N, C-alpha and C. Protein backbone atom coordinates (compact mmCIF):
# COMPACT_ATOMS: atom_id res chain seq x y z
N MET A 1 23.10 -5.69 -5.93
CA MET A 1 21.83 -5.25 -6.51
C MET A 1 20.65 -5.84 -5.72
N ALA A 2 19.63 -5.03 -5.57
CA ALA A 2 18.42 -5.51 -4.91
C ALA A 2 17.59 -6.34 -5.89
N VAL A 3 16.69 -7.14 -5.32
CA VAL A 3 15.83 -8.01 -6.11
C VAL A 3 14.39 -7.85 -5.62
N VAL A 4 13.44 -7.88 -6.54
CA VAL A 4 12.02 -7.84 -6.16
C VAL A 4 11.65 -9.15 -5.49
N ASN A 5 11.18 -9.07 -4.25
CA ASN A 5 10.78 -10.27 -3.52
C ASN A 5 9.26 -10.48 -3.57
N GLU A 6 8.50 -9.39 -3.47
CA GLU A 6 7.04 -9.46 -3.55
C GLU A 6 6.51 -8.24 -4.30
N ILE A 7 5.39 -8.45 -5.00
CA ILE A 7 4.67 -7.37 -5.70
C ILE A 7 3.25 -7.34 -5.17
N TRP A 8 2.78 -6.15 -4.80
CA TRP A 8 1.42 -5.99 -4.28
C TRP A 8 0.71 -4.85 -4.99
N ARG A 9 -0.56 -5.09 -5.24
CA ARG A 9 -1.43 -4.07 -5.84
C ARG A 9 -2.65 -3.90 -4.94
N TYR A 10 -3.09 -2.65 -4.77
CA TYR A 10 -4.22 -2.32 -3.89
C TYR A 10 -5.28 -1.59 -4.71
N PRO A 11 -6.18 -2.33 -5.35
CA PRO A 11 -7.16 -1.67 -6.23
C PRO A 11 -8.05 -0.65 -5.53
N VAL A 12 -8.34 -0.87 -4.24
CA VAL A 12 -9.18 0.06 -3.48
C VAL A 12 -8.38 0.60 -2.30
N LYS A 13 -8.29 1.90 -2.21
CA LYS A 13 -7.50 2.54 -1.16
C LYS A 13 -7.98 2.11 0.23
N SER A 14 -7.01 1.81 1.10
CA SER A 14 -7.21 1.45 2.50
C SER A 14 -7.69 0.02 2.71
N MET A 15 -7.97 -0.72 1.63
CA MET A 15 -8.30 -2.13 1.77
C MET A 15 -7.05 -2.97 1.54
N ALA A 16 -7.09 -4.23 1.98
CA ALA A 16 -6.01 -5.15 1.67
C ALA A 16 -5.93 -5.33 0.16
N GLY A 17 -4.76 -5.73 -0.31
CA GLY A 17 -4.56 -5.85 -1.75
C GLY A 17 -4.36 -7.29 -2.18
N GLU A 18 -3.70 -7.44 -3.33
CA GLU A 18 -3.43 -8.77 -3.88
C GLU A 18 -1.95 -8.90 -4.21
N ARG A 19 -1.40 -10.06 -3.89
CA ARG A 19 0.00 -10.35 -4.20
C ARG A 19 0.09 -10.94 -5.60
N LEU A 20 1.02 -10.43 -6.39
CA LEU A 20 1.13 -10.79 -7.80
C LEU A 20 2.52 -11.35 -8.10
N ASP A 21 2.59 -12.13 -9.16
CA ASP A 21 3.89 -12.61 -9.65
C ASP A 21 4.54 -11.58 -10.56
N SER A 22 3.72 -10.81 -11.26
CA SER A 22 4.22 -9.75 -12.13
C SER A 22 3.10 -8.74 -12.34
N CYS A 23 3.47 -7.54 -12.79
CA CYS A 23 2.46 -6.51 -13.04
C CYS A 23 3.05 -5.45 -13.96
N PRO A 24 2.27 -4.96 -14.93
CA PRO A 24 2.74 -3.83 -15.72
C PRO A 24 2.80 -2.57 -14.85
N VAL A 25 3.86 -1.82 -15.01
CA VAL A 25 3.97 -0.51 -14.37
C VAL A 25 3.62 0.52 -15.45
N THR A 26 2.55 1.25 -15.22
CA THR A 26 2.11 2.26 -16.18
C THR A 26 2.69 3.62 -15.81
N GLU A 27 2.30 4.65 -16.52
CA GLU A 27 2.80 6.00 -16.25
C GLU A 27 2.34 6.51 -14.89
N VAL A 28 1.29 5.89 -14.32
CA VAL A 28 0.76 6.34 -13.02
C VAL A 28 0.84 5.23 -11.97
N GLY A 29 1.78 4.31 -12.12
CA GLY A 29 1.98 3.27 -11.12
C GLY A 29 1.58 1.89 -11.60
N LEU A 30 1.54 0.94 -10.68
CA LEU A 30 1.14 -0.42 -11.05
C LEU A 30 -0.27 -0.40 -11.63
N ASP A 31 -0.46 -1.15 -12.67
CA ASP A 31 -1.75 -1.18 -13.37
C ASP A 31 -2.87 -1.54 -12.40
N GLY A 32 -3.84 -0.63 -12.25
CA GLY A 32 -4.98 -0.88 -11.38
C GLY A 32 -4.77 -0.53 -9.93
N ASP A 33 -3.59 -0.06 -9.56
CA ASP A 33 -3.29 0.20 -8.14
C ASP A 33 -3.98 1.46 -7.66
N ARG A 34 -4.65 1.38 -6.50
CA ARG A 34 -5.31 2.52 -5.87
C ARG A 34 -6.21 3.28 -6.84
N ARG A 35 -6.89 2.51 -7.67
CA ARG A 35 -7.77 3.10 -8.69
C ARG A 35 -9.06 3.64 -8.07
N TRP A 36 -9.54 2.98 -7.01
CA TRP A 36 -10.82 3.31 -6.42
C TRP A 36 -10.66 3.73 -4.97
N ALA A 37 -11.59 4.55 -4.51
CA ALA A 37 -11.61 4.96 -3.11
C ALA A 37 -13.05 5.15 -2.66
N LEU A 38 -13.30 4.84 -1.41
CA LEU A 38 -14.59 5.15 -0.79
C LEU A 38 -14.51 6.56 -0.23
N VAL A 39 -15.55 7.34 -0.47
CA VAL A 39 -15.58 8.74 -0.05
C VAL A 39 -16.65 8.93 1.00
N ASP A 40 -16.29 9.61 2.07
CA ASP A 40 -17.18 9.84 3.19
C ASP A 40 -18.24 10.87 2.83
N GLY A 41 -19.48 10.58 3.22
CA GLY A 41 -20.57 11.52 2.96
C GLY A 41 -21.14 12.13 4.22
N SER A 42 -20.51 11.86 5.38
CA SER A 42 -21.01 12.43 6.63
C SER A 42 -20.70 13.93 6.66
N PRO A 43 -21.54 14.72 7.35
CA PRO A 43 -21.43 16.19 7.27
C PRO A 43 -20.05 16.75 7.60
N ASN A 44 -19.38 16.19 8.61
CA ASN A 44 -18.10 16.77 9.01
C ASN A 44 -16.92 16.26 8.19
N ARG A 45 -17.16 15.29 7.29
CA ARG A 45 -16.07 14.75 6.45
C ARG A 45 -16.47 14.63 4.99
N ALA A 46 -17.45 15.36 4.58
CA ALA A 46 -17.98 15.22 3.22
C ALA A 46 -16.88 15.38 2.18
N GLY A 47 -16.78 14.37 1.31
CA GLY A 47 -15.81 14.42 0.22
C GLY A 47 -14.44 13.88 0.55
N LYS A 48 -14.19 13.57 1.81
CA LYS A 48 -12.89 13.03 2.20
C LYS A 48 -12.88 11.51 2.06
N LYS A 49 -11.70 10.96 1.75
CA LYS A 49 -11.58 9.52 1.58
C LYS A 49 -11.74 8.81 2.92
N LEU A 50 -12.44 7.69 2.87
CA LEU A 50 -12.60 6.86 4.06
C LEU A 50 -11.33 6.04 4.25
N THR A 51 -10.80 6.02 5.48
CA THR A 51 -9.61 5.24 5.79
C THR A 51 -9.89 4.35 7.00
N VAL A 52 -8.89 3.54 7.37
CA VAL A 52 -9.08 2.67 8.52
C VAL A 52 -9.17 3.46 9.82
N ARG A 53 -8.79 4.72 9.79
CA ARG A 53 -8.94 5.53 10.99
C ARG A 53 -10.41 5.83 11.28
N GLN A 54 -11.23 5.84 10.23
CA GLN A 54 -12.67 6.01 10.44
C GLN A 54 -13.39 4.67 10.54
N HIS A 55 -12.89 3.65 9.83
CA HIS A 55 -13.55 2.34 9.83
C HIS A 55 -12.49 1.26 9.68
N GLU A 56 -12.06 0.69 10.81
CA GLU A 56 -10.92 -0.22 10.80
C GLU A 56 -11.20 -1.52 10.04
N ARG A 57 -12.49 -1.89 9.86
CA ARG A 57 -12.79 -3.13 9.14
C ARG A 57 -12.46 -3.03 7.65
N LEU A 58 -12.16 -1.84 7.16
CA LEU A 58 -11.77 -1.71 5.75
C LEU A 58 -10.60 -2.62 5.41
N MET A 59 -9.65 -2.72 6.33
CA MET A 59 -8.46 -3.52 6.04
C MET A 59 -8.75 -5.01 6.07
N SER A 60 -9.97 -5.40 6.46
CA SER A 60 -10.36 -6.80 6.43
C SER A 60 -10.98 -7.19 5.09
N TYR A 61 -11.22 -6.21 4.22
CA TYR A 61 -11.68 -6.48 2.86
C TYR A 61 -10.45 -6.54 1.95
N ALA A 62 -10.38 -7.56 1.11
CA ALA A 62 -9.26 -7.71 0.18
C ALA A 62 -9.75 -7.44 -1.24
N ALA A 63 -9.15 -6.47 -1.88
CA ALA A 63 -9.53 -6.12 -3.26
C ALA A 63 -8.58 -6.77 -4.25
N ARG A 64 -9.15 -7.25 -5.36
CA ARG A 64 -8.33 -7.85 -6.40
C ARG A 64 -8.99 -7.60 -7.74
N ILE A 65 -8.22 -7.77 -8.80
CA ILE A 65 -8.74 -7.58 -10.16
C ILE A 65 -8.84 -8.94 -10.82
N ALA A 66 -10.04 -9.28 -11.26
CA ALA A 66 -10.30 -10.57 -11.91
C ALA A 66 -11.09 -10.32 -13.18
N GLY A 67 -10.55 -10.75 -14.31
CA GLY A 67 -11.24 -10.55 -15.58
C GLY A 67 -11.45 -9.08 -15.91
N GLY A 68 -10.53 -8.24 -15.47
CA GLY A 68 -10.62 -6.81 -15.74
C GLY A 68 -11.54 -6.05 -14.81
N GLU A 69 -12.18 -6.73 -13.87
CA GLU A 69 -13.10 -6.08 -12.93
C GLU A 69 -12.59 -6.23 -11.50
N VAL A 70 -12.89 -5.24 -10.67
CA VAL A 70 -12.50 -5.31 -9.27
C VAL A 70 -13.52 -6.13 -8.50
N GLU A 71 -13.04 -7.07 -7.71
CA GLU A 71 -13.91 -7.80 -6.81
C GLU A 71 -13.30 -7.80 -5.42
N LEU A 72 -14.15 -7.94 -4.43
CA LEU A 72 -13.72 -7.86 -3.04
C LEU A 72 -14.03 -9.16 -2.32
N VAL A 73 -13.08 -9.60 -1.51
CA VAL A 73 -13.31 -10.71 -0.61
C VAL A 73 -13.62 -10.09 0.75
N ALA A 74 -14.84 -10.27 1.24
CA ALA A 74 -15.29 -9.69 2.49
C ALA A 74 -14.70 -10.45 3.68
N PRO A 75 -14.76 -9.87 4.87
CA PRO A 75 -14.22 -10.56 6.06
C PRO A 75 -14.80 -11.95 6.29
N ASP A 76 -16.04 -12.19 5.85
CA ASP A 76 -16.65 -13.50 6.03
C ASP A 76 -16.32 -14.48 4.89
N GLY A 77 -15.45 -14.04 3.96
CA GLY A 77 -15.02 -14.91 2.87
C GLY A 77 -15.87 -14.84 1.62
N THR A 78 -16.99 -14.14 1.67
CA THR A 78 -17.83 -14.01 0.48
C THR A 78 -17.19 -13.05 -0.52
N ILE A 79 -17.49 -13.27 -1.79
CA ILE A 79 -16.90 -12.47 -2.86
C ILE A 79 -17.96 -11.55 -3.45
N HIS A 80 -17.61 -10.27 -3.64
CA HIS A 80 -18.55 -9.27 -4.09
C HIS A 80 -17.96 -8.44 -5.22
N SER A 81 -18.81 -7.99 -6.11
CA SER A 81 -18.40 -6.99 -7.09
C SER A 81 -18.27 -5.64 -6.40
N LEU A 82 -17.43 -4.79 -6.94
CA LEU A 82 -17.31 -3.43 -6.40
C LEU A 82 -18.44 -2.60 -7.02
N ASP A 83 -19.57 -2.54 -6.31
CA ASP A 83 -20.74 -1.85 -6.83
C ASP A 83 -21.48 -1.17 -5.69
N ASP A 84 -22.63 -0.58 -6.01
CA ASP A 84 -23.39 0.18 -5.01
C ASP A 84 -23.83 -0.70 -3.84
N ARG A 85 -24.17 -1.97 -4.11
CA ARG A 85 -24.61 -2.83 -3.02
C ARG A 85 -23.49 -3.08 -2.01
N LEU A 86 -22.28 -3.25 -2.52
CA LEU A 86 -21.16 -3.46 -1.62
C LEU A 86 -20.85 -2.18 -0.85
N VAL A 87 -20.92 -1.04 -1.53
CA VAL A 87 -20.69 0.24 -0.85
C VAL A 87 -21.73 0.44 0.25
N ASP A 88 -22.97 0.09 -0.03
CA ASP A 88 -24.03 0.22 0.98
C ASP A 88 -23.76 -0.69 2.18
N ARG A 89 -23.23 -1.88 1.93
CA ARG A 89 -22.90 -2.80 3.03
C ARG A 89 -21.84 -2.19 3.94
N ILE A 90 -20.79 -1.63 3.33
CA ILE A 90 -19.72 -1.04 4.13
C ILE A 90 -20.22 0.22 4.84
N ALA A 91 -21.09 0.99 4.16
CA ALA A 91 -21.66 2.18 4.78
C ALA A 91 -22.46 1.82 6.03
N ALA A 92 -23.19 0.71 5.98
CA ALA A 92 -23.95 0.27 7.15
C ALA A 92 -23.02 -0.13 8.29
N GLU A 93 -21.92 -0.81 7.95
CA GLU A 93 -20.94 -1.19 8.97
C GLU A 93 -20.32 0.05 9.62
N ALA A 94 -20.01 1.05 8.77
CA ALA A 94 -19.31 2.24 9.24
C ALA A 94 -20.25 3.29 9.84
N SER A 95 -21.56 3.06 9.68
CA SER A 95 -22.58 4.00 10.20
C SER A 95 -22.39 5.40 9.64
N ARG A 96 -22.18 5.47 8.32
CA ARG A 96 -22.03 6.76 7.67
C ARG A 96 -22.29 6.57 6.17
N PRO A 97 -22.82 7.60 5.49
CA PRO A 97 -23.03 7.47 4.04
C PRO A 97 -21.70 7.48 3.30
N LEU A 98 -21.62 6.64 2.27
CA LEU A 98 -20.38 6.52 1.50
C LEU A 98 -20.67 6.59 0.02
N GLY A 99 -19.68 7.04 -0.73
CA GLY A 99 -19.73 7.00 -2.18
C GLY A 99 -18.48 6.33 -2.71
N LEU A 100 -18.48 5.98 -3.98
CA LEU A 100 -17.36 5.33 -4.63
C LEU A 100 -16.81 6.24 -5.71
N VAL A 101 -15.49 6.46 -5.71
CA VAL A 101 -14.88 7.37 -6.67
C VAL A 101 -13.78 6.65 -7.44
N ASP A 102 -13.78 6.81 -8.75
CA ASP A 102 -12.72 6.31 -9.62
C ASP A 102 -11.64 7.38 -9.67
N MET A 103 -10.48 7.08 -9.06
CA MET A 103 -9.42 8.08 -8.97
C MET A 103 -8.53 8.13 -10.21
N ALA A 104 -8.55 7.08 -11.02
CA ALA A 104 -7.83 7.07 -12.31
C ALA A 104 -6.42 7.64 -12.21
N GLY A 105 -5.63 7.05 -11.34
CA GLY A 105 -4.22 7.43 -11.26
C GLY A 105 -3.92 8.59 -10.36
N GLU A 106 -4.93 9.18 -9.72
CA GLU A 106 -4.70 10.35 -8.88
C GLU A 106 -4.70 10.02 -7.39
N ASN A 107 -5.01 8.78 -7.04
CA ASN A 107 -5.22 8.42 -5.64
C ASN A 107 -3.90 7.93 -5.00
N PHE A 108 -2.92 8.83 -4.95
CA PHE A 108 -1.63 8.47 -4.40
C PHE A 108 -1.21 9.47 -3.34
N ASP A 109 -0.57 8.98 -2.27
CA ASP A 109 -0.15 9.85 -1.19
C ASP A 109 0.98 10.78 -1.62
N ASP A 110 1.87 10.30 -2.48
CA ASP A 110 2.99 11.13 -2.90
C ASP A 110 3.36 10.83 -4.34
N SER A 111 3.92 9.67 -4.60
CA SER A 111 4.34 9.30 -5.94
C SER A 111 3.74 7.97 -6.33
N HIS A 112 4.09 7.49 -7.51
CA HIS A 112 3.36 6.40 -8.13
C HIS A 112 3.61 5.02 -7.52
N VAL A 113 4.83 4.74 -7.10
CA VAL A 113 5.21 3.40 -6.66
C VAL A 113 5.89 3.49 -5.30
N LEU A 114 5.48 2.63 -4.37
CA LEU A 114 6.10 2.60 -3.04
C LEU A 114 6.96 1.35 -2.92
N VAL A 115 8.23 1.56 -2.57
CA VAL A 115 9.20 0.48 -2.44
C VAL A 115 9.63 0.37 -0.99
N VAL A 116 9.60 -0.84 -0.43
CA VAL A 116 10.05 -1.07 0.94
C VAL A 116 11.13 -2.14 0.94
N ASN A 117 12.20 -1.85 1.65
CA ASN A 117 13.34 -2.75 1.79
C ASN A 117 13.10 -3.70 2.97
N LEU A 118 13.06 -4.99 2.72
CA LEU A 118 12.78 -5.96 3.77
C LEU A 118 13.85 -5.98 4.86
N ALA A 119 15.09 -5.61 4.51
CA ALA A 119 16.14 -5.56 5.52
C ALA A 119 15.88 -4.42 6.51
N THR A 120 15.31 -3.32 6.03
CA THR A 120 14.97 -2.21 6.91
C THR A 120 13.83 -2.62 7.84
N VAL A 121 12.87 -3.37 7.32
CA VAL A 121 11.77 -3.86 8.15
C VAL A 121 12.32 -4.81 9.22
N ALA A 122 13.26 -5.69 8.84
CA ALA A 122 13.83 -6.62 9.80
C ALA A 122 14.58 -5.88 10.91
N ALA A 123 15.30 -4.82 10.54
CA ALA A 123 16.01 -4.02 11.54
C ALA A 123 15.01 -3.34 12.47
N PHE A 124 13.92 -2.87 11.92
CA PHE A 124 12.87 -2.23 12.72
C PHE A 124 12.23 -3.25 13.67
N SER A 125 12.04 -4.47 13.21
CA SER A 125 11.50 -5.53 14.07
C SER A 125 12.41 -5.74 15.27
N ALA A 126 13.72 -5.79 15.03
CA ALA A 126 14.67 -5.99 16.13
C ALA A 126 14.63 -4.82 17.11
N GLU A 127 14.55 -3.61 16.58
CA GLU A 127 14.48 -2.41 17.43
C GLU A 127 13.20 -2.40 18.27
N SER A 128 12.13 -2.95 17.70
CA SER A 128 10.83 -2.93 18.38
C SER A 128 10.68 -4.05 19.38
N GLY A 129 11.52 -5.07 19.26
CA GLY A 129 11.42 -6.21 20.16
C GLY A 129 10.23 -7.09 19.87
N MET A 130 9.72 -7.05 18.64
CA MET A 130 8.57 -7.89 18.25
C MET A 130 8.62 -8.12 16.76
N HIS A 131 7.94 -9.18 16.33
CA HIS A 131 7.86 -9.42 14.89
C HIS A 131 6.96 -8.37 14.25
N VAL A 132 7.46 -7.74 13.20
CA VAL A 132 6.69 -6.73 12.46
C VAL A 132 6.42 -7.27 11.06
N ASP A 133 5.17 -7.54 10.77
CA ASP A 133 4.76 -8.02 9.45
C ASP A 133 4.99 -6.91 8.43
N HIS A 134 5.76 -7.20 7.39
CA HIS A 134 6.07 -6.17 6.40
C HIS A 134 4.83 -5.63 5.70
N ARG A 135 3.73 -6.41 5.71
CA ARG A 135 2.52 -5.94 5.04
C ARG A 135 1.90 -4.72 5.71
N ARG A 136 2.32 -4.42 6.93
CA ARG A 136 1.84 -3.21 7.59
C ARG A 136 2.15 -1.97 6.74
N PHE A 137 3.18 -2.05 5.90
CA PHE A 137 3.67 -0.87 5.20
C PHE A 137 3.12 -0.72 3.78
N ARG A 138 2.30 -1.67 3.35
CA ARG A 138 1.49 -1.54 2.13
C ARG A 138 2.30 -1.07 0.91
N ALA A 139 3.45 -1.67 0.72
CA ALA A 139 4.29 -1.31 -0.43
C ALA A 139 3.80 -2.00 -1.70
N ASN A 140 4.20 -1.46 -2.82
CA ASN A 140 3.99 -2.13 -4.11
C ASN A 140 5.09 -3.14 -4.38
N LEU A 141 6.32 -2.75 -4.09
CA LEU A 141 7.47 -3.63 -4.30
C LEU A 141 8.21 -3.80 -2.99
N TYR A 142 8.31 -5.04 -2.53
CA TYR A 142 9.17 -5.36 -1.40
C TYR A 142 10.45 -5.95 -1.98
N ILE A 143 11.58 -5.38 -1.58
CA ILE A 143 12.85 -5.79 -2.17
C ILE A 143 13.77 -6.40 -1.11
N LYS A 144 14.67 -7.26 -1.57
CA LYS A 144 15.64 -7.90 -0.69
C LYS A 144 17.05 -7.72 -1.27
N ASP A 145 18.04 -8.18 -0.51
CA ASP A 145 19.45 -8.13 -0.89
C ASP A 145 20.04 -6.73 -0.83
N LEU A 146 19.46 -5.85 -0.01
CA LEU A 146 20.08 -4.58 0.35
C LEU A 146 20.34 -4.58 1.85
N GLY A 147 21.24 -3.71 2.30
CA GLY A 147 21.42 -3.51 3.72
C GLY A 147 20.31 -2.63 4.27
N PRO A 148 20.11 -2.64 5.59
CA PRO A 148 19.09 -1.79 6.19
C PRO A 148 19.29 -0.31 5.83
N GLU A 149 18.21 0.32 5.40
CA GLU A 149 18.15 1.73 5.02
C GLU A 149 19.03 2.10 3.82
N GLU A 150 19.56 1.12 3.12
CA GLU A 150 20.37 1.42 1.93
C GLU A 150 19.53 2.08 0.85
N GLU A 151 18.22 1.81 0.86
CA GLU A 151 17.33 2.40 -0.15
C GLU A 151 17.26 3.91 -0.05
N ILE A 152 17.56 4.47 1.13
CA ILE A 152 17.50 5.93 1.30
C ILE A 152 18.51 6.62 0.39
N SER A 153 19.63 5.95 0.12
CA SER A 153 20.66 6.54 -0.75
C SER A 153 20.19 6.66 -2.20
N TRP A 154 19.08 6.02 -2.53
CA TRP A 154 18.55 6.11 -3.89
C TRP A 154 17.79 7.41 -4.14
N ILE A 155 17.43 8.14 -3.12
CA ILE A 155 16.62 9.35 -3.31
C ILE A 155 17.35 10.33 -4.22
N GLY A 156 16.62 10.80 -5.24
CA GLY A 156 17.21 11.68 -6.24
C GLY A 156 17.80 10.96 -7.43
N ARG A 157 17.82 9.62 -7.37
CA ARG A 157 18.38 8.83 -8.47
C ARG A 157 17.27 8.16 -9.27
N ARG A 158 17.64 7.69 -10.44
CA ARG A 158 16.76 6.84 -11.23
C ARG A 158 17.24 5.41 -11.12
N ILE A 159 16.28 4.51 -10.96
CA ILE A 159 16.59 3.10 -10.82
C ILE A 159 15.73 2.29 -11.79
N ARG A 160 16.15 1.08 -12.05
CA ARG A 160 15.35 0.16 -12.86
C ARG A 160 14.68 -0.84 -11.95
N ALA A 161 13.46 -1.18 -12.29
CA ALA A 161 12.72 -2.24 -11.61
C ALA A 161 12.14 -3.11 -12.71
N GLY A 162 12.83 -4.19 -13.04
CA GLY A 162 12.43 -4.97 -14.21
C GLY A 162 12.62 -4.12 -15.46
N ALA A 163 11.57 -4.04 -16.28
CA ALA A 163 11.64 -3.24 -17.51
C ALA A 163 11.26 -1.78 -17.28
N ALA A 164 10.81 -1.45 -16.08
CA ALA A 164 10.40 -0.08 -15.77
C ALA A 164 11.58 0.73 -15.23
N GLU A 165 11.49 2.04 -15.43
CA GLU A 165 12.47 2.96 -14.85
C GLU A 165 11.73 3.89 -13.89
N LEU A 166 12.28 4.05 -12.69
CA LEU A 166 11.66 4.85 -11.64
C LEU A 166 12.63 5.92 -11.15
N GLU A 167 12.08 7.06 -10.76
CA GLU A 167 12.86 8.08 -10.08
C GLU A 167 12.47 8.06 -8.60
N VAL A 168 13.44 7.84 -7.73
CA VAL A 168 13.16 7.79 -6.29
C VAL A 168 13.08 9.22 -5.77
N THR A 169 11.91 9.59 -5.24
CA THR A 169 11.65 11.00 -4.94
C THR A 169 11.75 11.36 -3.47
N SER A 170 11.35 10.46 -2.57
CA SER A 170 11.33 10.84 -1.15
C SER A 170 11.10 9.61 -0.28
N ARG A 171 11.34 9.77 1.02
CA ARG A 171 10.98 8.74 1.98
C ARG A 171 9.47 8.80 2.22
N CYS A 172 8.91 7.70 2.69
CA CYS A 172 7.48 7.62 2.97
C CYS A 172 7.25 7.80 4.47
N GLU A 173 6.63 8.92 4.83
CA GLU A 173 6.32 9.18 6.24
C GLU A 173 5.06 8.42 6.63
N ARG A 174 5.10 7.79 7.80
CA ARG A 174 4.05 6.89 8.22
C ARG A 174 3.12 7.51 9.27
N CYS A 175 1.98 6.85 9.45
CA CYS A 175 0.99 7.31 10.42
C CYS A 175 0.56 6.14 11.29
N VAL A 176 -0.48 6.34 12.07
CA VAL A 176 -0.93 5.35 13.04
C VAL A 176 -1.39 4.05 12.39
N VAL A 177 -1.67 4.06 11.10
CA VAL A 177 -2.14 2.84 10.42
C VAL A 177 -1.14 1.69 10.56
N VAL A 178 0.16 1.99 10.60
CA VAL A 178 1.15 0.91 10.67
C VAL A 178 1.12 0.19 12.02
N THR A 179 0.42 0.74 13.00
CA THR A 179 0.33 0.07 14.30
C THR A 179 -0.69 -1.07 14.29
N ARG A 180 -1.46 -1.21 13.21
CA ARG A 180 -2.51 -2.23 13.15
C ARG A 180 -2.00 -3.49 12.44
N ASP A 181 -2.21 -4.62 13.06
CA ASP A 181 -1.84 -5.89 12.44
C ASP A 181 -2.72 -6.12 11.21
N PRO A 182 -2.14 -6.47 10.06
CA PRO A 182 -2.93 -6.61 8.83
C PRO A 182 -3.94 -7.75 8.85
N ASP A 183 -3.76 -8.73 9.75
CA ASP A 183 -4.68 -9.85 9.83
C ASP A 183 -5.69 -9.70 10.97
N THR A 184 -5.21 -9.35 12.15
CA THR A 184 -6.08 -9.31 13.32
C THR A 184 -6.64 -7.92 13.61
N ARG A 185 -6.03 -6.89 13.07
CA ARG A 185 -6.36 -5.48 13.33
C ARG A 185 -6.01 -5.06 14.75
N ASP A 186 -5.32 -5.92 15.50
CA ASP A 186 -4.84 -5.54 16.82
C ASP A 186 -3.84 -4.40 16.69
N THR A 187 -3.83 -3.51 17.67
CA THR A 187 -2.94 -2.35 17.59
C THR A 187 -1.73 -2.52 18.51
N SER A 188 -0.60 -1.99 18.05
CA SER A 188 0.65 -1.94 18.83
C SER A 188 1.16 -0.51 18.76
N PRO A 189 0.64 0.38 19.60
CA PRO A 189 0.99 1.80 19.52
C PRO A 189 2.47 2.09 19.63
N GLU A 190 3.20 1.21 20.32
CA GLU A 190 4.63 1.44 20.51
C GLU A 190 5.40 1.42 19.20
N LEU A 191 4.85 0.78 18.17
CA LEU A 191 5.57 0.71 16.89
C LEU A 191 5.78 2.09 16.29
N LEU A 192 4.79 2.94 16.38
CA LEU A 192 4.93 4.28 15.81
C LEU A 192 5.96 5.09 16.60
N ARG A 193 6.01 4.89 17.91
CA ARG A 193 7.01 5.58 18.73
C ARG A 193 8.42 5.15 18.32
N VAL A 194 8.63 3.84 18.18
CA VAL A 194 9.96 3.35 17.79
C VAL A 194 10.32 3.82 16.38
N LEU A 195 9.35 3.79 15.49
CA LEU A 195 9.61 4.24 14.12
C LEU A 195 10.01 5.71 14.11
N THR A 196 9.38 6.51 14.96
CA THR A 196 9.72 7.93 15.05
C THR A 196 11.11 8.13 15.62
N GLU A 197 11.43 7.38 16.67
CA GLU A 197 12.73 7.54 17.32
C GLU A 197 13.89 7.03 16.47
N GLN A 198 13.66 5.93 15.74
CA GLN A 198 14.76 5.28 15.03
C GLN A 198 14.81 5.59 13.53
N HIS A 199 13.67 5.97 12.95
CA HIS A 199 13.63 6.12 11.49
C HIS A 199 12.90 7.38 11.03
N GLU A 200 12.80 8.37 11.91
CA GLU A 200 12.15 9.65 11.56
C GLU A 200 10.73 9.43 11.03
N THR A 201 10.05 8.41 11.59
CA THR A 201 8.67 8.04 11.25
C THR A 201 8.53 7.60 9.80
N CYS A 202 9.63 7.18 9.18
CA CYS A 202 9.59 6.80 7.75
C CYS A 202 9.90 5.33 7.56
N MET A 203 9.29 4.76 6.53
CA MET A 203 9.60 3.41 6.09
C MET A 203 9.27 3.32 4.61
N GLY A 204 10.28 3.03 3.80
CA GLY A 204 10.07 2.91 2.37
C GLY A 204 10.37 4.21 1.63
N VAL A 205 10.43 4.10 0.30
CA VAL A 205 10.68 5.27 -0.54
C VAL A 205 9.64 5.32 -1.67
N TYR A 206 9.22 6.54 -1.97
CA TYR A 206 8.29 6.77 -3.07
C TYR A 206 9.07 6.95 -4.37
N CYS A 207 8.46 6.48 -5.45
CA CYS A 207 9.08 6.59 -6.76
C CYS A 207 8.08 7.11 -7.79
N ARG A 208 8.59 7.91 -8.71
CA ARG A 208 7.81 8.37 -9.86
C ARG A 208 8.19 7.53 -11.07
N VAL A 209 7.20 7.16 -11.87
CA VAL A 209 7.47 6.35 -13.05
C VAL A 209 8.06 7.23 -14.16
N VAL A 210 9.24 6.86 -14.61
CA VAL A 210 9.89 7.56 -15.71
C VAL A 210 9.61 6.85 -17.03
N ARG A 211 9.70 5.52 -16.98
CA ARG A 211 9.42 4.71 -18.17
C ARG A 211 8.63 3.48 -17.75
N PRO A 212 7.43 3.30 -18.30
CA PRO A 212 6.62 2.12 -17.96
C PRO A 212 7.29 0.82 -18.42
N GLY A 213 6.88 -0.27 -17.82
CA GLY A 213 7.41 -1.58 -18.20
C GLY A 213 6.92 -2.63 -17.22
N LEU A 214 7.17 -3.88 -17.55
CA LEU A 214 6.73 -5.00 -16.72
C LEU A 214 7.72 -5.23 -15.60
N VAL A 215 7.20 -5.47 -14.38
CA VAL A 215 8.04 -5.86 -13.26
C VAL A 215 7.58 -7.24 -12.78
N THR A 216 8.55 -8.09 -12.47
CA THR A 216 8.27 -9.49 -12.12
C THR A 216 9.08 -9.84 -10.88
N VAL A 217 8.53 -10.71 -10.04
CA VAL A 217 9.27 -11.20 -8.89
C VAL A 217 10.59 -11.79 -9.36
N GLY A 218 11.69 -11.42 -8.70
CA GLY A 218 13.02 -11.87 -9.10
C GLY A 218 13.77 -10.87 -9.94
N ASP A 219 13.08 -9.84 -10.44
CA ASP A 219 13.76 -8.81 -11.24
C ASP A 219 14.75 -8.01 -10.38
N VAL A 220 15.79 -7.55 -11.03
CA VAL A 220 16.78 -6.70 -10.37
C VAL A 220 16.20 -5.28 -10.22
N VAL A 221 16.51 -4.66 -9.07
CA VAL A 221 16.11 -3.29 -8.81
C VAL A 221 17.37 -2.49 -8.46
N GLY A 222 17.55 -1.35 -9.11
CA GLY A 222 18.70 -0.53 -8.78
C GLY A 222 19.33 0.09 -10.00
């Protein structure tokens, strides 16, 4: 059986998240996960979500939930509320008008919860010939005690993660974002090539929430 090794929540899309010891899994994913997004207001991208492909410094902001409110730790270490002043600061950095949107459970690439197997990441590191930080893959649940790519066999099945029940729906197809180091933002373009050649450009599996419940580090998954 697999075990939950790390739990991560990303309150603001494309920003760094927060590592948790436990988190409620709601009907639309981890409580507070990907709740907010910055929306581009420039003429050629009006209404589209801002990502690190447009402004790479986004991943240098860490979003967390404190006292029921979202706050951000900026690259310089200062702490800010998620409000218009902070949005204006990022808009100035990105040289484009931005807005803030409450996605309320709709801001997901595919399904509610993303699970990544650390053994698969380790195998990918060996194939790449370099250390690959698992945080590049921005999962909600990082699991251990499975063999490499064993999680793929879960697709189409229902699994338990702590008190929650999940349906594993598909593999997670990746993009150029995984080539960026989560701390330095340095790029390693070869990683996407190796991921394409060895893993069909996929890492991790998406899951739909069947039954909400609490998930805690150390819980059994499977």
